[in-house]
Structures are given as structure tokens and as C-alpha cells.
Protein backbone atom coordinates (compact mmCIF):
# COMPACT_ATOMS: atom_id res chain seq x y z
CA UNK A 1 -11.97 4.02 -11.62
CA UNK A 2 -9.01 5.84 -13.10
CA UNK A 3 -6.42 4.28 -15.41
CA UNK A 4 -3.76 4.72 -12.70
CA UNK A 5 -5.81 2.59 -10.30
CA UNK A 6 -6.27 -0.12 -12.92
CA UNK A 7 -2.51 -0.14 -13.56
CA UNK A 8 -1.86 -0.46 -9.83
CA UNK A 9 -4.25 -3.38 -9.52
CA UNK A 10 -2.68 -5.09 -12.54
CA UNK A 11 0.77 -4.57 -11.06
CA UNK A 12 -0.09 -6.26 -7.77
CA UNK A 13 -1.84 -9.15 -9.48
CA UNK A 14 1.58 -10.78 -9.98
CA UNK A 15 2.64 -12.59 -6.80
CA UNK A 16 6.30 -11.49 -6.73
CA UNK A 17 5.31 -7.83 -7.06
CA UNK A 18 2.81 -8.16 -4.24
CA UNK A 19 5.51 -9.81 -2.10
CA UNK A 20 7.92 -6.99 -2.98
CA UNK A 21 5.36 -4.44 -1.79
CA UNK A 22 4.92 -6.39 1.45
CA UNK A 23 8.69 -6.44 1.95
CA UNK A 24 8.94 -2.70 1.36
CA UNK A 25 6.02 -2.10 3.76
CA UNK A 26 7.78 -4.12 6.48
CA UNK A 27 11.07 -2.25 6.03
CA UNK A 28 9.90 1.28 5.27
CA UNK A 29 12.67 1.85 2.75
CA UNK A 30 14.83 -0.84 1.21
CA UNK A 31 17.44 -1.07 -1.53
CA UNK A 32 17.39 -3.44 -4.48
CA UNK A 33 20.18 -5.64 -3.12
CA UNK A 34 18.21 -6.40 0.03
CA UNK A 35 15.11 -7.17 -2.04
CA UNK A 36 17.15 -9.64 -4.12
CA UNK A 37 18.20 -11.41 -0.90
CA UNK A 38 14.55 -12.42 -0.37
CA UNK A 39 13.77 -13.65 -3.87
CA UNK A 40 15.19 -16.23 -6.24
CA UNK A 41 15.19 -13.84 -9.21
CA UNK A 42 17.86 -12.09 -11.25
CA UNK A 43 18.66 -8.39 -11.01
CA UNK A 44 17.15 -7.68 -14.48
CA UNK A 45 13.93 -9.43 -13.43
CA UNK A 46 13.79 -7.35 -10.25
CA UNK A 47 14.36 -4.19 -12.31
CA UNK A 48 11.44 -5.19 -14.52
CA UNK A 49 9.16 -5.67 -11.50
CA UNK A 50 10.29 -2.40 -9.93
CA UNK A 51 9.64 -0.52 -13.17
CA UNK A 52 6.08 -1.86 -13.29
CA UNK A 53 5.50 -0.94 -9.63
CA UNK A 54 6.98 2.50 -10.22
CA UNK A 55 4.93 3.12 -13.39
CA UNK A 56 1.82 2.14 -11.41
CA UNK A 57 2.87 4.75 -8.81
CA UNK A 58 2.88 2.12 -6.05
CA UNK A 59 6.47 2.85 -5.02
CA UNK A 60 8.80 5.82 -4.70
CA UNK A 61 12.41 5.57 -5.82
CA UNK A 62 15.27 7.46 -4.23
CA UNK A 63 18.70 7.22 -5.83
CA UNK A 64 21.75 7.67 -3.62
CA UNK A 65 24.98 7.24 -5.57
CA UNK A 66 24.88 3.81 -7.17
CA UNK A 67 22.00 2.55 -5.02
CA UNK A 68 18.25 2.78 -5.56
CA UNK A 69 16.06 2.83 -2.47
CA UNK A 70 12.37 2.02 -2.61
CA UNK A 71 9.48 3.00 -0.38
CA UNK A 72 5.70 2.73 -0.67
CA UNK A 73 3.77 5.53 -2.32
CA UNK A 74 1.23 5.89 0.47
CA UNK A 75 -1.07 8.12 -1.59
CA UNK A 76 -1.67 5.44 -4.22
CA UNK A 77 -2.00 2.70 -1.60
CA UNK A 78 -4.66 4.74 0.23
CA UNK A 79 -6.51 5.44 -3.03
CA UNK A 80 -6.65 1.70 -3.80
CA UNK A 81 -7.71 1.00 -0.22
CA UNK A 82 -10.48 3.58 -0.59
CA UNK A 83 -11.80 1.84 -3.71
CA UNK A 84 -12.13 -1.44 -1.82
CA UNK A 85 -13.61 0.33 1.18
CA UNK A 86 -16.34 1.78 -1.03
CA UNK A 87 -17.06 -1.71 -2.33
CA UNK A 88 -17.41 -3.10 1.18
CA UNK A 89 -19.12 -0.05 2.65
CA UNK A 90 -16.43 0.61 5.26
CA UNK A 91 -14.77 3.95 5.93
CA UNK A 92 -11.04 4.53 5.68
CA UNK A 93 -9.34 7.06 7.91
CA UNK A 94 -5.69 7.57 7.03
CA UNK A 95 -4.70 8.87 10.44
CA UNK A 96 -7.29 7.87 13.02
CA UNK A 97 -5.21 9.20 15.90
CA UNK A 98 -5.31 12.70 14.44
CA UNK A 99 -8.96 12.49 13.43
CA UNK A 100 -10.57 10.88 16.48
CA UNK A 101 -9.54 10.32 20.06
CA UNK A 102 -10.17 6.69 21.07
CA UNK A 103 -12.12 7.68 24.19
CA UNK A 104 -14.55 9.69 22.07
CA UNK A 105 -15.66 6.71 19.99
CA UNK A 106 -19.11 5.60 21.06
CA UNK A 107 -20.74 2.55 19.61
CA UNK A 108 -24.48 2.76 19.42
CA UNK A 109 -26.56 -0.25 18.72
CA UNK A 110 -30.14 0.03 17.69
CA UNK A 111 -32.26 -1.71 15.09
CA UNK A 112 -32.24 1.43 12.93
CA UNK A 113 -28.48 2.14 12.95
CA UNK A 114 -25.31 0.20 12.40
CA UNK A 115 -22.39 0.24 14.80
CA UNK A 116 -19.13 1.63 13.48
CA UNK A 117 -15.83 0.01 14.30
CA UNK A 118 -12.71 2.09 13.83
CA UNK A 119 -9.39 0.29 13.91
CA UNK A 120 -6.43 2.25 15.17
CA UNK A 121 -3.61 2.09 12.67
């Protein structure tokens, strides 16, 4: 496991940072003021959390004038997801619709093979 992945896991081990990531995921892109509306924290505390998330490469920052807008860094999220998938023995397909057509998925059950379930994202 790379240092970047360890930093990402450390960053999301704090509950407010995990909640911030969930909020960003739900909104696609969100500015700091809107994030503050959801939390009972000060602006400097939010800046601290965002710096940790940014240093862990979990979020992207786009500055527009005086405002900072945040979005998820999908590449890092998928890398972390892949680590857990390897631990559980499940496959991760970033874009299932592009990789496999739903009607082409065939589940075979036999004592010698396992069935594979693919969830459409």
C-alpha cells in the first residue's frame, strides 16, 4: 500500500472529514460556505479539514474569484475502493455500463465456480 493511500485512510478516519466527503459526493461540487451550513465548525476548522483532504488527494479544489469549490478526486477514491475490493475478493469496475452490457451478464452456478454479481453504478 502506498503512502498516499495510507494518508487517505488516515484522513477519512476523522468523522467530520468523512461527512464532508459524503456531502461533496451528494452535491458533485460544493463551496466552503455551503459545507459550513451543514456543520457546527468554524471556517478555520473547515480549512484545516479541507487541507488534510486535499493533501490526501481525496478532493479537488477549484478557485473562482474569492470562492473555493470542492469535488471528489475520483481516481483516489477508486484506488482506495480497489484496495478494499482486493481484501474482500470482489471486483471493481469503474464504469460497468461501458464495460459490460447488462443483458450479457450470465450467472453460472456450479459447485466448482462462484457466481459473480455486478452492480450497476
